[in-house]
Amino acid sequence: MKLTRADRRLLEELQRDATRNQAELAEITGMSRTSCWRRIRDFEEAGLIQRQVALLNPKKVGLNIQVLLLVTMTEHTDENRHSFEHHVSLLPEVTECFSVSGDRDYQLHVVVEDMESYNDFLNGQILRHAAVRSASSTFVLRRVKYSTELPVPAG
């Protein structure tokens, strides 16, 4: 999909605050309300906009521990990969899972209430999985930057 300057501006603004109404977005982007509504619908149909969500503050909901968890698999088979990826997709503590290059196979972003919860999660959900050889935890001391906004490149 070819994006105009107004399209890029609209996508940038939606990433900042998707609760804005069509009138506000139209004013910011210089589009009419109808054009704005149509473009948003087009973006959704084309898959540019996957969904709209509310971003919660982890600490305010009691999730005080964030961990970057590196996982090494026992063997690199399709069966192990599918099994592990399906398993972590069902775990609410895992907010992101990346298949990575290097000496580890996956990096997970994990959020939990406290160290006891993390210990239970690590031993009960990750290390018990048959496809997992080992795991290494790095604890987040403080979040320096957090953004869900993607840069929208010019055409």
Protein backbone atom coordinates (compact mmCIF):
# COMPACT_ATOMS: atom_id res chain seq x y z
CA MET A 1 0.00 0.00 0.00
CA LYS A 2 1.44 3.35 -1.03
CA LEU A 3 1.20 5.90 1.77
CA THR A 4 0.73 9.61 1.29
CA ARG A 5 2.16 12.21 3.67
CA ALA A 6 -1.32 12.52 5.23
CA ASP A 7 -1.52 8.71 5.61
CA ARG A 8 1.81 8.65 7.43
CA ARG A 9 0.72 11.49 9.69
CA LEU A 10 -2.56 9.69 10.42
CA LEU A 11 -0.72 6.47 11.31
CA GLU A 12 1.71 8.36 13.55
CA GLU A 13 -1.14 10.08 15.39
CA LEU A 14 -3.10 6.84 15.80
CA GLN A 15 -0.02 5.24 17.36
CA ARG A 16 0.22 8.09 19.86
CA ASP A 17 -3.47 8.02 20.83
CA ALA A 18 -5.97 5.76 19.10
CA THR A 19 -8.83 7.13 21.23
CA ARG A 20 -8.95 10.39 19.28
CA ASN A 21 -12.14 10.89 17.32
CA GLN A 22 -12.34 11.39 13.56
CA ALA A 23 -12.77 15.16 13.89
CA GLU A 24 -9.53 15.52 15.88
CA LEU A 25 -7.61 13.25 13.52
CA ALA A 26 -8.99 15.05 10.48
CA GLU A 27 -7.90 18.41 11.88
CA ILE A 28 -4.39 17.17 12.71
CA THR A 29 -3.86 15.49 9.33
CA GLY A 30 -5.65 18.01 7.14
CA MET A 31 -8.02 15.33 5.84
CA SER A 32 -11.81 15.38 5.87
CA ARG A 33 -13.55 13.27 8.52
CA THR A 34 -14.86 10.92 5.84
CA SER A 35 -11.43 10.49 4.26
CA CYS A 36 -9.92 9.91 7.67
CA TRP A 37 -12.50 7.22 8.50
CA ARG A 38 -12.01 5.56 5.09
CA ARG A 39 -8.23 5.51 5.41
CA ILE A 40 -8.40 3.97 8.89
CA ARG A 41 -10.75 1.28 7.56
CA ASP A 42 -8.39 0.71 4.59
CA PHE A 43 -5.41 0.42 6.98
CA GLU A 44 -7.29 -2.17 9.05
CA GLU A 45 -8.30 -4.19 5.99
CA ALA A 46 -4.73 -4.08 4.64
CA GLY A 47 -3.32 -5.21 7.99
CA LEU A 48 -1.36 -2.00 8.68
CA ILE A 49 -3.45 -1.55 11.82
CA GLN A 50 -3.58 -4.91 13.56
CA ARG A 51 -5.65 -3.88 16.57
CA GLN A 52 -6.22 -1.08 19.05
CA VAL A 53 -5.41 -1.68 22.71
CA ALA A 54 -4.99 0.05 26.06
CA LEU A 55 -1.40 0.07 27.35
CA LEU A 56 -1.25 -0.67 31.07
CA ASN A 57 1.40 0.47 33.51
CA PRO A 58 2.92 -2.82 34.78
CA LYS A 59 3.71 -1.48 38.26
CA LYS A 60 0.21 -0.03 38.72
CA VAL A 61 -1.28 -3.50 38.16
CA GLY A 62 1.25 -5.12 40.50
CA LEU A 63 3.74 -6.49 37.97
CA ASN A 64 6.93 -5.28 39.63
CA ILE A 65 9.48 -7.61 38.03
CA GLN A 66 10.44 -7.56 34.35
CA VAL A 67 12.83 -10.16 32.99
CA LEU A 68 14.58 -10.72 29.69
CA LEU A 69 14.78 -14.49 29.52
CA LEU A 70 17.12 -16.20 27.06
CA VAL A 71 16.22 -19.79 26.23
CA THR A 72 18.32 -22.51 24.59
CA MET A 73 16.57 -25.48 23.02
CA THR A 74 17.64 -29.12 23.33
CA GLU A 75 17.40 -29.71 19.58
CA HIS A 76 16.50 -27.49 16.64
CA THR A 77 13.61 -29.48 15.23
CA ASP A 78 10.33 -28.19 13.84
CA GLU A 79 8.50 -30.20 16.48
CA ASN A 80 10.45 -28.56 19.33
CA ARG A 81 10.05 -25.11 17.82
CA HIS A 82 6.29 -25.47 17.32
CA SER A 83 5.81 -27.01 20.76
CA PHE A 84 7.78 -24.30 22.57
CA GLU A 85 6.28 -21.40 20.61
CA HIS A 86 2.76 -22.68 21.21
CA HIS A 87 3.53 -23.16 24.91
CA VAL A 88 4.83 -19.61 25.45
CA SER A 89 2.00 -18.12 23.38
CA LEU A 90 -0.37 -19.36 26.11
CA LEU A 91 1.58 -17.87 29.03
CA PRO A 92 0.23 -14.46 30.11
CA GLU A 93 3.53 -13.62 31.82
CA VAL A 94 5.26 -13.63 28.43
CA THR A 95 4.53 -10.34 26.68
CA GLU A 96 6.98 -10.88 23.82
CA CYS A 97 8.83 -13.85 22.40
CA PHE A 98 11.55 -13.54 19.77
CA SER A 99 13.37 -16.26 17.88
CA VAL A 100 16.93 -14.91 17.88
CA SER A 101 20.31 -15.55 16.31
CA GLY A 102 23.46 -16.29 18.29
CA ASP A 103 24.10 -18.85 20.99
CA ARG A 104 20.52 -18.69 22.33
CA ASP A 105 17.34 -19.59 20.52
CA TYR A 106 14.66 -17.36 22.07
CA GLN A 107 14.38 -14.15 24.03
CA LEU A 108 11.26 -13.65 26.10
CA HIS A 109 10.05 -10.54 27.87
CA VAL A 110 8.41 -11.70 31.09
CA VAL A 111 6.43 -9.69 33.66
CA VAL A 112 5.55 -11.02 37.12
CA GLU A 113 4.56 -9.74 40.54
CA ASP A 114 7.64 -10.73 42.52
CA MET A 115 10.70 -12.99 42.66
CA GLU A 116 8.74 -15.92 44.05
CA SER A 117 6.34 -15.68 41.11
CA TYR A 118 9.26 -15.57 38.71
CA ASN A 119 10.89 -18.60 40.31
CA ASP A 120 7.61 -20.52 40.00
CA PHE A 121 7.22 -19.39 36.38
CA LEU A 122 10.79 -20.24 35.38
CA ASN A 123 10.85 -23.65 37.02
CA GLY A 124 7.24 -24.60 36.38
CA GLN A 125 6.66 -23.26 32.88
CA ILE A 126 9.99 -22.85 31.10
CA LEU A 127 12.59 -25.26 32.47
CA ARG A 128 10.08 -28.12 32.65
CA HIS A 129 9.33 -27.88 28.94
CA ALA A 130 10.84 -30.89 27.17
CA ALA A 131 12.35 -28.76 24.38
CA VAL A 132 14.26 -26.43 26.74
CA ARG A 133 17.90 -27.18 27.53
CA SER A 134 18.63 -24.05 29.59
CA ALA A 135 17.54 -20.53 30.37
CA SER A 136 19.32 -17.38 31.50
CA SER A 137 17.58 -14.45 33.21
CA THR A 138 18.46 -10.77 33.03
CA PHE A 139 16.42 -8.60 35.38
CA VAL A 140 15.34 -5.15 34.25
CA LEU A 141 16.50 -2.51 36.74
CA ARG A 142 14.62 0.34 35.09
CA ARG A 143 12.98 0.94 31.77
CA VAL A 144 14.83 3.67 29.88
CA LYS A 145 12.59 3.75 26.82
CA TYR A 146 9.27 2.15 26.05
CA SER A 147 7.32 2.80 22.90
CA THR A 148 4.92 0.89 20.74
CA GLU A 149 5.16 3.58 18.04
CA LEU A 150 6.80 2.44 14.82
CA PRO A 151 8.51 4.92 12.50
CA VAL A 152 6.43 5.26 9.34
CA PRO A 153 8.93 5.55 6.46
CA ALA A 154 8.28 7.87 3.55
CA GLY A 155 7.15 5.95 0.45
